[in-house]
């Protein structure tokens, strides 16, 4: 005699499916958010270990990179028009 194993009720309702999907999505979103927050904390901790001069140089480099990106985007928009 063999038995079939059902992981969900054979007549699972749409509501149950939505609930399970919502829980799965919530878990994935929570994992993504916690990973992002953890990476931000690691970056902040790394900056705290630098001297003030090194920290300032890193901030200036980041600002210059953002400015270059903005200038490139503006050029791309102007070229399209």
C-alpha atoms as a PDB file:
ATOM      1  CA  UNK A   1       0.000   0.000   0.000  1.00  0.00           C
ATOM      2  CA  UNK A   2       1.465   3.350  -1.023  1.00  0.00           C
ATOM      3  CA  UNK A   3       0.488   6.753   0.238  1.00  0.00           C
ATOM      4  CA  UNK A   4       0.754  10.013  -1.607  1.00  0.00           C
ATOM      5  CA  UNK A   5       2.330  12.797   0.392  1.00  0.00           C
ATOM      6  CA  UNK A   6       0.823  16.241  -0.102  1.00  0.00           C
ATOM      7  CA  UNK A   7       2.812  19.253   1.008  1.00  0.00           C
ATOM      8  CA  UNK A   8      -0.232  21.482   0.679  1.00  0.00           C
ATOM      9  CA  UNK A   9      -3.889  20.734   0.832  1.00  0.00           C
ATOM     10  CA  UNK A  10      -5.101  19.366  -2.493  1.00  0.00           C
ATOM     11  CA  UNK A  11      -7.717  22.091  -2.654  1.00  0.00           C
ATOM     12  CA  UNK A  12      -5.498  24.997  -1.626  1.00  0.00           C
ATOM     13  CA  UNK A  13      -7.351  28.222  -2.041  1.00  0.00           C
ATOM     14  CA  UNK A  14      -6.092  31.247  -3.869  1.00  0.00           C
ATOM     15  CA  UNK A  15      -5.891  33.056  -0.537  1.00  0.00           C
ATOM     16  CA  UNK A  16      -3.513  30.456   0.888  1.00  0.00           C
ATOM     17  CA  UNK A  17      -1.367  30.665  -2.225  1.00  0.00           C
ATOM     18  CA  UNK A  18      -1.189  34.445  -1.882  1.00  0.00           C
ATOM     19  CA  UNK A  19      -0.304  34.150   1.796  1.00  0.00           C
ATOM     20  CA  UNK A  20       2.544  31.702   1.102  1.00  0.00           C
ATOM     21  CA  UNK A  21       3.771  33.879  -1.759  1.00  0.00           C
ATOM     22  CA  UNK A  22       3.666  36.933   0.490  1.00  0.00           C
ATOM     23  CA  UNK A  23       5.637  35.185   3.208  1.00  0.00           C
ATOM     24  CA  UNK A  24       8.260  34.034   0.699  1.00  0.00           C
ATOM     25  CA  UNK A  25       8.526  37.530  -0.761  1.00  0.00           C
ATOM     26  CA  UNK A  26       8.816  39.011   2.732  1.00  0.00           C
ATOM     27  CA  UNK A  27      11.654  36.657   3.604  1.00  0.00           C
ATOM     28  CA  UNK A  28      13.538  37.523   0.425  1.00  0.00           C
ATOM     29  CA  UNK A  29      12.989  41.250   0.916  1.00  0.00           C
ATOM     30  CA  UNK A  30      14.132  41.018   4.531  1.00  0.00           C
ATOM     31  CA  UNK A  31      17.281  39.165   3.521  1.00  0.00           C
ATOM     32  CA  UNK A  32      18.060  41.753   0.849  1.00  0.00           C
ATOM     33  CA  UNK A  33      17.532  44.654   3.242  1.00  0.00           C
ATOM     34  CA  UNK A  34      19.624  43.101   5.998  1.00  0.00           C
ATOM     35  CA  UNK A  35      22.433  42.393   3.517  1.00  0.00           C
ATOM     36  CA  UNK A  36      22.357  46.016   2.330  1.00  0.00           C
ATOM     37  CA  UNK A  37      22.391  47.349   5.896  1.00  0.00           C
ATOM     38  CA  UNK A  38      25.249  45.024   6.836  1.00  0.00           C
ATOM     39  CA  UNK A  39      27.337  46.196   3.864  1.00  0.00           C
ATOM     40  CA  UNK A  40      26.704  49.830   4.795  1.00  0.00           C
ATOM     41  CA  UNK A  41      27.846  49.147   8.358  1.00  0.00           C
ATOM     42  CA  UNK A  42      31.017  47.446   7.109  1.00  0.00           C
ATOM     43  CA  UNK A  43      31.787  50.435   4.871  1.00  0.00           C
ATOM     44  CA  UNK A  44      31.178  52.844   7.753  1.00  0.00           C
ATOM     45  CA  UNK A  45      33.410  50.814  10.073  1.00  0.00           C
ATOM     46  CA  UNK A  46      36.165  50.794   7.454  1.00  0.00           C
ATOM     47  CA  UNK A  47      35.957  54.590   7.206  1.00  0.00           C
ATOM     48  CA  UNK A  48      36.265  54.936  10.981  1.00  0.00           C
ATOM     49  CA  UNK A  49      39.613  53.142  10.916  1.00  0.00           C
ATOM     50  CA  UNK A  50      41.085  55.679   8.490  1.00  0.00           C
ATOM     51  CA  UNK A  51      42.898  58.842   9.434  1.00  0.00           C
ATOM     52  CA  UNK A  52      40.974  62.081   8.876  1.00  0.00           C
ATOM     53  CA  UNK A  53      43.093  62.838   5.796  1.00  0.00           C
ATOM     54  CA  UNK A  54      42.443  59.397   4.279  1.00  0.00           C
ATOM     55  CA  UNK A  55      38.738  59.727   5.063  1.00  0.00           C
ATOM     56  CA  UNK A  56      38.618  63.135   3.356  1.00  0.00           C
ATOM     57  CA  UNK A  57      40.426  61.752   0.301  1.00  0.00           C
ATOM     58  CA  UNK A  58      37.901  58.896   0.042  1.00  0.00           C
ATOM     59  CA  UNK A  59      34.985  61.338   0.266  1.00  0.00           C
ATOM     60  CA  UNK A  60      36.525  63.600  -2.381  1.00  0.00           C
ATOM     61  CA  UNK A  61      37.069  60.610  -4.696  1.00  0.00           C
ATOM     62  CA  UNK A  62      33.448  59.559  -4.244  1.00  0.00           C
ATOM     63  CA  UNK A  63      32.203  63.092  -4.977  1.00  0.00           C
ATOM     64  CA  UNK A  64      34.388  63.339  -8.088  1.00  0.00           C
ATOM     65  CA  UNK A  65      33.102  59.981  -9.329  1.00  0.00           C
ATOM     66  CA  UNK A  66      29.493  61.098  -8.821  1.00  0.00           C
ATOM     67  CA  UNK A  67      30.191  64.397 -10.593  1.00  0.00           C
ATOM     68  CA  UNK A  68      31.763  62.546 -13.541  1.00  0.00           C
ATOM     69  CA  UNK A  69      28.706  60.309 -13.722  1.00  0.00           C
ATOM     70  CA  UNK A  70      26.357  63.314 -13.720  1.00  0.00           C
ATOM     71  CA  UNK A  71      28.387  65.090 -16.414  1.00  0.00           C
ATOM     72  CA  UNK A  72      28.358  61.946 -18.569  1.00  0.00           C
ATOM     73  CA  UNK A  73      24.597  61.614 -18.177  1.00  0.00           C
ATOM     74  CA  UNK A  74      24.082  65.257 -19.161  1.00  0.00           C
ATOM     75  CA  UNK A  75      26.280  64.779 -22.256  1.00  0.00           C
ATOM     76  CA  UNK A  76      24.335  61.645 -23.205  1.00  0.00           C
ATOM     77  CA  UNK A  77      21.027  63.501 -22.879  1.00  0.00           C
ATOM     78  CA  UNK A  78      22.325  66.425 -24.953  1.00  0.00           C
ATOM     79  CA  UNK A  79      23.623  64.056 -27.642  1.00  0.00           C
ATOM     80  CA  UNK A  80      20.215  62.374 -27.909  1.00  0.00           C
ATOM     81  CA  UNK A  81      18.484  65.720 -28.402  1.00  0.00           C
END
